Amino acid sequence: MEINIDFTGTGGGFRKFCAGETDISNASRPTQPKEMEACRNAGVPYLELPIAFDALTVVVNPQNTWAKDITLAELQKMWTPASQGKLTSWQQIRPSWPAKPLNLFGPGKDSGTFDYFTAAVVGQAKASRSDYTSRRR
């Protein structure tokens, strides 16, 4: 028997599962009502079994010697969709920081981590600036 293991974000994984393309799916968040409905409509039964909960960590590159701490309000200012193309340097976040380029990295839009981060930091799920780099392991 051959077993294929592919990586996709939580949202993409639910789409594949509810379409009957996969037998089991791992998720970093609870099943959303629209995903439950998609499974029901496709006749795909499921059992949601919470095993553990994710944690989220915000990290700063070690070459950044000025950002020793950051507030939730500053993170929100960085990541809100309205900041795209406007907030491009660290000094725009906190005036005491240098006018060095602000380079953002984050999860892809199909990721449960993206869903959680945007809800917790920006205040609205899936609301984020899109000019950041997203890489998968």
N, C-alpha and C. Protein backbone atom coordinates (compact mmCIF):
# COMPACT_ATOMS: atom_id res chain seq x y z
N MET A 1 0.84 -1.17 0.00
CA MET A 1 0.00 0.00 0.00
C MET A 1 0.89 1.24 0.00
N GLU A 2 0.58 2.18 -0.88
CA GLU A 2 1.34 3.41 -0.96
C GLU A 2 0.59 4.51 -0.22
N ILE A 3 1.33 5.26 0.59
CA ILE A 3 0.74 6.37 1.34
C ILE A 3 1.45 7.64 0.92
N ASN A 4 0.68 8.60 0.45
CA ASN A 4 1.25 9.90 0.07
C ASN A 4 0.94 10.90 1.17
N ILE A 5 1.96 11.65 1.54
CA ILE A 5 1.78 12.71 2.53
C ILE A 5 2.16 14.02 1.87
N ASP A 6 1.19 14.90 1.74
CA ASP A 6 1.43 16.21 1.14
C ASP A 6 1.23 17.27 2.19
N PHE A 7 1.88 18.41 1.99
CA PHE A 7 1.70 19.53 2.90
C PHE A 7 0.84 20.58 2.24
N THR A 8 -0.15 21.01 2.95
CA THR A 8 -0.96 22.15 2.56
C THR A 8 -1.40 22.82 3.85
N GLY A 9 -1.88 24.02 3.76
CA GLY A 9 -2.37 24.69 4.96
C GLY A 9 -3.67 24.07 5.42
N THR A 10 -4.13 24.48 6.58
CA THR A 10 -5.37 23.93 7.15
C THR A 10 -6.56 24.12 6.22
N GLY A 11 -6.74 25.33 5.68
CA GLY A 11 -7.88 25.59 4.79
C GLY A 11 -7.82 24.72 3.55
N GLY A 12 -6.63 24.61 2.95
CA GLY A 12 -6.47 23.75 1.78
C GLY A 12 -6.70 22.28 2.11
N GLY A 13 -6.25 21.89 3.29
CA GLY A 13 -6.45 20.50 3.74
C GLY A 13 -7.93 20.18 3.91
N PHE A 14 -8.70 21.12 4.49
CA PHE A 14 -10.13 20.91 4.64
C PHE A 14 -10.82 20.81 3.28
N ARG A 15 -10.39 21.64 2.31
CA ARG A 15 -10.99 21.56 0.97
C ARG A 15 -10.77 20.18 0.36
N LYS A 16 -9.56 19.66 0.49
CA LYS A 16 -9.25 18.33 -0.06
C LYS A 16 -10.03 17.24 0.68
N PHE A 17 -10.10 17.35 2.00
CA PHE A 17 -10.80 16.36 2.81
C PHE A 17 -12.29 16.33 2.46
N CYS A 18 -12.91 17.49 2.43
CA CYS A 18 -14.35 17.56 2.17
C CYS A 18 -14.69 17.19 0.73
N ALA A 19 -13.71 17.24 -0.16
CA ALA A 19 -13.92 16.80 -1.55
C ALA A 19 -13.69 15.30 -1.69
N GLY A 20 -13.32 14.65 -0.59
CA GLY A 20 -13.08 13.21 -0.62
C GLY A 20 -11.72 12.83 -1.20
N GLU A 21 -10.80 13.80 -1.30
CA GLU A 21 -9.48 13.53 -1.87
C GLU A 21 -8.51 12.96 -0.85
N THR A 22 -8.81 13.14 0.45
CA THR A 22 -7.94 12.61 1.49
C THR A 22 -8.80 11.86 2.51
N ASP A 23 -8.17 10.95 3.24
CA ASP A 23 -8.88 10.15 4.23
C ASP A 23 -8.77 10.74 5.64
N ILE A 24 -7.74 11.50 5.87
CA ILE A 24 -7.51 12.09 7.19
C ILE A 24 -6.86 13.45 6.97
N SER A 25 -7.12 14.36 7.88
CA SER A 25 -6.56 15.69 7.74
C SER A 25 -6.12 16.21 9.10
N ASN A 26 -4.99 16.86 9.11
CA ASN A 26 -4.46 17.49 10.30
C ASN A 26 -4.80 18.98 10.20
N ALA A 27 -5.12 19.62 11.28
CA ALA A 27 -5.49 21.03 11.24
C ALA A 27 -4.92 21.76 12.45
N SER A 28 -4.64 23.03 12.26
CA SER A 28 -4.11 23.83 13.36
C SER A 28 -5.19 24.68 14.02
N ARG A 29 -6.44 24.43 13.66
CA ARG A 29 -7.57 25.17 14.24
C ARG A 29 -8.81 24.30 14.12
N PRO A 30 -9.88 24.66 14.84
CA PRO A 30 -11.14 23.90 14.72
C PRO A 30 -11.75 24.04 13.32
N THR A 31 -12.58 23.09 12.98
CA THR A 31 -13.29 23.11 11.71
C THR A 31 -14.27 24.28 11.70
N GLN A 32 -14.24 25.06 10.63
CA GLN A 32 -15.14 26.21 10.51
C GLN A 32 -16.50 25.75 9.97
N PRO A 33 -17.57 26.49 10.29
CA PRO A 33 -18.92 26.12 9.82
C PRO A 33 -19.00 25.90 8.31
N LYS A 34 -18.32 26.73 7.52
CA LYS A 34 -18.37 26.56 6.06
C LYS A 34 -17.71 25.24 5.64
N GLU A 35 -16.71 24.79 6.39
CA GLU A 35 -16.05 23.51 6.08
C GLU A 35 -16.95 22.35 6.49
N MET A 36 -17.63 22.49 7.62
CA MET A 36 -18.59 21.46 8.04
C MET A 36 -19.68 21.30 6.98
N GLU A 37 -20.15 22.44 6.47
CA GLU A 37 -21.20 22.41 5.45
C GLU A 37 -20.69 21.77 4.15
N ALA A 38 -19.46 22.09 3.77
CA ALA A 38 -18.88 21.50 2.56
C ALA A 38 -18.80 19.98 2.69
N CYS A 39 -18.39 19.49 3.84
CA CYS A 39 -18.33 18.04 4.05
C CYS A 39 -19.73 17.42 4.01
N ARG A 40 -20.68 18.08 4.68
CA ARG A 40 -22.07 17.59 4.67
C ARG A 40 -22.61 17.52 3.25
N ASN A 41 -22.41 18.60 2.48
CA ASN A 41 -22.91 18.66 1.10
C ASN A 41 -22.28 17.60 0.21
N ALA A 42 -21.03 17.24 0.50
CA ALA A 42 -20.34 16.23 -0.29
C ALA A 42 -20.56 14.82 0.25
N GLY A 43 -21.30 14.71 1.36
CA GLY A 43 -21.54 13.39 1.95
C GLY A 43 -20.31 12.78 2.59
N VAL A 44 -19.41 13.63 3.07
CA VAL A 44 -18.17 13.16 3.70
C VAL A 44 -18.33 13.25 5.22
N PRO A 45 -18.47 12.10 5.89
CA PRO A 45 -18.57 12.13 7.35
C PRO A 45 -17.20 12.41 7.96
N TYR A 46 -17.20 13.01 9.13
CA TYR A 46 -15.93 13.31 9.78
C TYR A 46 -16.11 13.30 11.29
N LEU A 47 -14.99 13.17 11.97
CA LEU A 47 -14.94 13.26 13.42
C LEU A 47 -13.81 14.23 13.74
N GLU A 48 -14.15 15.31 14.41
CA GLU A 48 -13.12 16.26 14.83
C GLU A 48 -12.60 15.82 16.19
N LEU A 49 -11.32 15.57 16.27
CA LEU A 49 -10.71 15.05 17.48
C LEU A 49 -9.55 15.95 17.90
N PRO A 50 -9.79 16.90 18.81
CA PRO A 50 -8.70 17.76 19.27
C PRO A 50 -7.66 16.95 20.04
N ILE A 51 -6.42 17.09 19.64
CA ILE A 51 -5.34 16.36 20.30
C ILE A 51 -4.42 17.32 21.04
N ALA A 52 -4.14 18.46 20.45
CA ALA A 52 -3.26 19.45 21.05
C ALA A 52 -3.59 20.81 20.46
N PHE A 53 -3.05 21.85 21.04
CA PHE A 53 -3.28 23.20 20.54
C PHE A 53 -1.96 23.82 20.14
N ASP A 54 -1.99 24.55 19.03
CA ASP A 54 -0.81 25.24 18.53
C ASP A 54 -0.47 26.45 19.39
N ALA A 55 0.74 26.89 19.24
CA ALA A 55 1.18 28.15 19.83
C ALA A 55 1.73 29.00 18.69
N LEU A 56 1.76 30.27 18.90
CA LEU A 56 2.25 31.18 17.88
C LEU A 56 3.38 32.00 18.47
N THR A 57 4.48 32.10 17.73
CA THR A 57 5.63 32.85 18.18
C THR A 57 6.00 33.90 17.14
N VAL A 58 6.22 35.10 17.57
CA VAL A 58 6.69 36.17 16.69
C VAL A 58 8.19 36.29 16.94
N VAL A 59 8.98 36.22 15.88
CA VAL A 59 10.43 36.27 16.02
C VAL A 59 11.00 37.45 15.23
N VAL A 60 12.15 37.89 15.66
CA VAL A 60 12.87 38.97 15.00
C VAL A 60 14.25 38.43 14.63
N ASN A 61 14.69 38.75 13.43
CA ASN A 61 15.99 38.32 12.97
C ASN A 61 17.08 38.77 13.95
N PRO A 62 18.07 37.92 14.27
CA PRO A 62 19.12 38.30 15.22
C PRO A 62 19.93 39.54 14.79
N GLN A 63 19.95 39.86 13.50
CA GLN A 63 20.65 41.05 13.03
C GLN A 63 19.89 42.33 13.38
N ASN A 64 18.65 42.18 13.77
CA ASN A 64 17.86 43.32 14.22
C ASN A 64 18.19 43.53 15.70
N THR A 65 18.98 44.54 15.98
CA THR A 65 19.44 44.79 17.35
C THR A 65 18.60 45.84 18.08
N TRP A 66 17.62 46.44 17.42
CA TRP A 66 16.84 47.51 18.04
C TRP A 66 15.47 47.06 18.53
N ALA A 67 14.90 46.03 18.00
CA ALA A 67 13.56 45.60 18.41
C ALA A 67 13.68 44.56 19.52
N LYS A 68 13.83 45.03 20.73
CA LYS A 68 13.96 44.14 21.89
C LYS A 68 12.60 43.72 22.42
N ASP A 69 11.57 44.48 22.09
CA ASP A 69 10.21 44.14 22.46
C ASP A 69 9.28 44.76 21.41
N ILE A 70 8.06 44.29 21.39
CA ILE A 70 7.09 44.82 20.44
C ILE A 70 5.70 44.64 21.04
N THR A 71 4.85 45.60 20.84
CA THR A 71 3.50 45.52 21.40
C THR A 71 2.54 44.91 20.39
N LEU A 72 1.42 44.46 20.88
CA LEU A 72 0.38 43.93 20.00
C LEU A 72 -0.10 45.04 19.05
N ALA A 73 -0.21 46.27 19.56
CA ALA A 73 -0.63 47.40 18.71
C ALA A 73 0.37 47.64 17.58
N GLU A 74 1.67 47.48 17.87
CA GLU A 74 2.69 47.66 16.83
C GLU A 74 2.62 46.54 15.79
N LEU A 75 2.39 45.31 16.26
CA LEU A 75 2.21 44.21 15.31
C LEU A 75 1.00 44.45 14.41
N GLN A 76 -0.07 44.92 15.03
CA GLN A 76 -1.28 45.21 14.25
C GLN A 76 -0.98 46.29 13.21
N LYS A 77 -0.27 47.32 13.61
CA LYS A 77 0.09 48.40 12.70
C LYS A 77 0.90 47.86 11.51
N MET A 78 1.80 46.91 11.77
CA MET A 78 2.63 46.31 10.71
C MET A 78 1.81 45.49 9.73
N TRP A 79 0.86 44.73 10.25
CA TRP A 79 0.20 43.70 9.45
C TRP A 79 -1.18 44.08 8.90
N THR A 80 -1.77 45.16 9.35
CA THR A 80 -3.09 45.51 8.86
C THR A 80 -3.05 45.80 7.35
N PRO A 81 -4.09 45.44 6.62
CA PRO A 81 -4.08 45.67 5.17
C PRO A 81 -3.81 47.12 4.78
N ALA A 82 -4.24 48.07 5.59
CA ALA A 82 -4.04 49.49 5.27
C ALA A 82 -2.56 49.89 5.29
N SER A 83 -1.70 49.09 5.91
CA SER A 83 -0.27 49.43 5.99
C SER A 83 0.50 49.06 4.73
N GLN A 84 -0.11 48.25 3.88
CA GLN A 84 0.57 47.78 2.67
C GLN A 84 0.99 48.96 1.79
N GLY A 85 2.27 48.98 1.45
CA GLY A 85 2.81 50.03 0.61
C GLY A 85 3.05 51.34 1.34
N LYS A 86 2.61 51.43 2.58
CA LYS A 86 2.77 52.68 3.36
C LYS A 86 3.79 52.53 4.47
N LEU A 87 3.71 51.43 5.22
CA LEU A 87 4.68 51.19 6.31
C LEU A 87 5.78 50.29 5.75
N THR A 88 6.92 50.89 5.50
CA THR A 88 8.01 50.14 4.88
C THR A 88 9.31 50.17 5.69
N SER A 89 9.30 50.90 6.80
CA SER A 89 10.51 50.94 7.62
C SER A 89 10.15 50.74 9.10
N TRP A 90 11.14 50.30 9.84
CA TRP A 90 10.94 50.08 11.28
C TRP A 90 10.62 51.39 12.00
N GLN A 91 11.19 52.49 11.55
CA GLN A 91 10.97 53.77 12.20
C GLN A 91 9.51 54.21 12.13
N GLN A 92 8.79 53.76 11.11
CA GLN A 92 7.37 54.08 11.01
C GLN A 92 6.54 53.33 12.05
N ILE A 93 7.09 52.27 12.59
CA ILE A 93 6.40 51.51 13.63
C ILE A 93 6.65 52.15 14.99
N ARG A 94 7.91 52.44 15.28
CA ARG A 94 8.28 53.11 16.53
C ARG A 94 9.36 54.15 16.18
N PRO A 95 9.13 55.42 16.44
CA PRO A 95 10.06 56.47 16.04
C PRO A 95 11.49 56.29 16.53
N SER A 96 11.70 55.59 17.64
CA SER A 96 13.07 55.40 18.15
C SER A 96 13.83 54.31 17.38
N TRP A 97 13.13 53.57 16.53
CA TRP A 97 13.78 52.53 15.72
C TRP A 97 14.35 53.16 14.45
N PRO A 98 15.38 52.55 13.87
CA PRO A 98 16.01 53.13 12.67
C PRO A 98 15.10 53.05 11.43
N ALA A 99 15.45 53.84 10.44
CA ALA A 99 14.70 53.87 9.17
C ALA A 99 15.21 52.76 8.26
N LYS A 100 15.27 51.55 8.79
CA LYS A 100 15.71 50.37 8.02
C LYS A 100 14.47 49.69 7.44
N PRO A 101 14.64 48.98 6.32
CA PRO A 101 13.49 48.33 5.68
C PRO A 101 12.80 47.32 6.60
N LEU A 102 11.50 47.32 6.54
CA LEU A 102 10.67 46.36 7.28
C LEU A 102 10.36 45.21 6.34
N ASN A 103 10.95 44.04 6.61
CA ASN A 103 10.73 42.85 5.79
C ASN A 103 9.91 41.86 6.60
N LEU A 104 8.73 41.54 6.11
CA LEU A 104 7.82 40.68 6.85
C LEU A 104 7.74 39.29 6.22
N PHE A 105 7.65 38.29 7.07
CA PHE A 105 7.52 36.90 6.65
C PHE A 105 6.36 36.29 7.43
N GLY A 106 5.57 35.45 6.79
CA GLY A 106 4.44 34.85 7.49
C GLY A 106 3.92 33.63 6.76
N PRO A 107 2.90 33.02 7.32
CA PRO A 107 2.33 31.82 6.72
C PRO A 107 1.49 32.14 5.48
N GLY A 108 1.28 31.12 4.65
CA GLY A 108 0.43 31.28 3.47
C GLY A 108 -1.03 31.43 3.86
N LYS A 109 -1.82 31.93 2.94
CA LYS A 109 -3.22 32.24 3.21
C LYS A 109 -4.10 31.00 3.43
N ASP A 110 -3.62 29.82 3.06
CA ASP A 110 -4.36 28.58 3.30
C ASP A 110 -4.01 27.97 4.65
N SER A 111 -3.24 28.67 5.43
CA SER A 111 -2.73 28.15 6.69
C SER A 111 -3.65 28.50 7.86
N GLY A 112 -3.84 27.57 8.76
CA GLY A 112 -4.57 27.84 9.99
C GLY A 112 -3.83 28.85 10.85
N THR A 113 -2.50 28.85 10.74
CA THR A 113 -1.70 29.83 11.46
C THR A 113 -2.01 31.23 10.94
N PHE A 114 -2.17 31.37 9.62
CA PHE A 114 -2.56 32.66 9.03
C PHE A 114 -3.91 33.09 9.58
N ASP A 115 -4.87 32.17 9.61
CA ASP A 115 -6.20 32.48 10.14
C ASP A 115 -6.11 32.97 11.58
N TYR A 116 -5.37 32.24 12.40
CA TYR A 116 -5.26 32.61 13.81
C TYR A 116 -4.52 33.93 13.99
N PHE A 117 -3.38 34.07 13.31
CA PHE A 117 -2.58 35.29 13.45
C PHE A 117 -3.38 36.52 13.07
N THR A 118 -4.06 36.47 11.94
CA THR A 118 -4.81 37.65 11.50
C THR A 118 -5.95 37.96 12.46
N ALA A 119 -6.61 36.95 12.97
CA ALA A 119 -7.70 37.19 13.93
C ALA A 119 -7.15 37.78 15.24
N ALA A 120 -6.05 37.20 15.74
CA ALA A 120 -5.50 37.63 17.02
C ALA A 120 -4.76 38.96 16.94
N VAL A 121 -4.06 39.21 15.85
CA VAL A 121 -3.23 40.40 15.75
C VAL A 121 -3.94 41.55 15.05
N VAL A 122 -4.53 41.27 13.88
CA VAL A 122 -5.18 42.33 13.11
C VAL A 122 -6.60 42.58 13.62
N GLY A 123 -7.21 41.54 14.19
CA GLY A 123 -8.56 41.69 14.72
C GLY A 123 -9.63 41.15 13.80
N GLN A 124 -9.22 40.63 12.64
CA GLN A 124 -10.17 40.05 11.69
C GLN A 124 -9.47 38.93 10.94
N ALA A 125 -10.06 37.74 10.96
CA ALA A 125 -9.47 36.60 10.28
C ALA A 125 -9.30 36.90 8.80
N LYS A 126 -8.17 36.49 8.26
CA LYS A 126 -7.81 36.62 6.85
C LYS A 126 -7.54 38.04 6.39
N ALA A 127 -7.56 39.02 7.31
CA ALA A 127 -7.26 40.41 6.96
C ALA A 127 -5.78 40.66 7.22
N SER A 128 -5.01 40.83 6.16
CA SER A 128 -3.57 41.04 6.30
C SER A 128 -3.05 41.76 5.07
N ARG A 129 -1.98 42.47 5.25
CA ARG A 129 -1.30 42.99 4.07
C ARG A 129 -0.77 41.78 3.31
N SER A 130 -0.61 41.89 2.02
CA SER A 130 -0.19 40.73 1.24
C SER A 130 1.22 40.88 0.70
N ASP A 131 1.91 41.96 1.02
CA ASP A 131 3.26 42.17 0.51
C ASP A 131 4.32 41.62 1.47
N TYR A 132 4.08 40.43 1.97
CA TYR A 132 5.05 39.76 2.84
C TYR A 132 5.50 38.48 2.15
N THR A 133 6.57 37.90 2.64
CA THR A 133 7.10 36.66 2.06
C THR A 133 6.53 35.49 2.83
N SER A 134 5.99 34.55 2.09
CA SER A 134 5.45 33.32 2.68
C SER A 134 6.26 32.15 2.14
N ARG A 135 6.80 31.37 3.05
CA ARG A 135 7.58 30.20 2.66
C ARG A 135 7.12 29.00 3.43
N ARG A 136 7.13 27.89 2.76
CA ARG A 136 6.80 26.63 3.42
C ARG A 136 8.08 25.86 3.65
N ARG A 137 8.07 25.09 4.74
CA ARG A 137 9.24 24.27 5.06
C ARG A 137 9.39 23.19 4.03
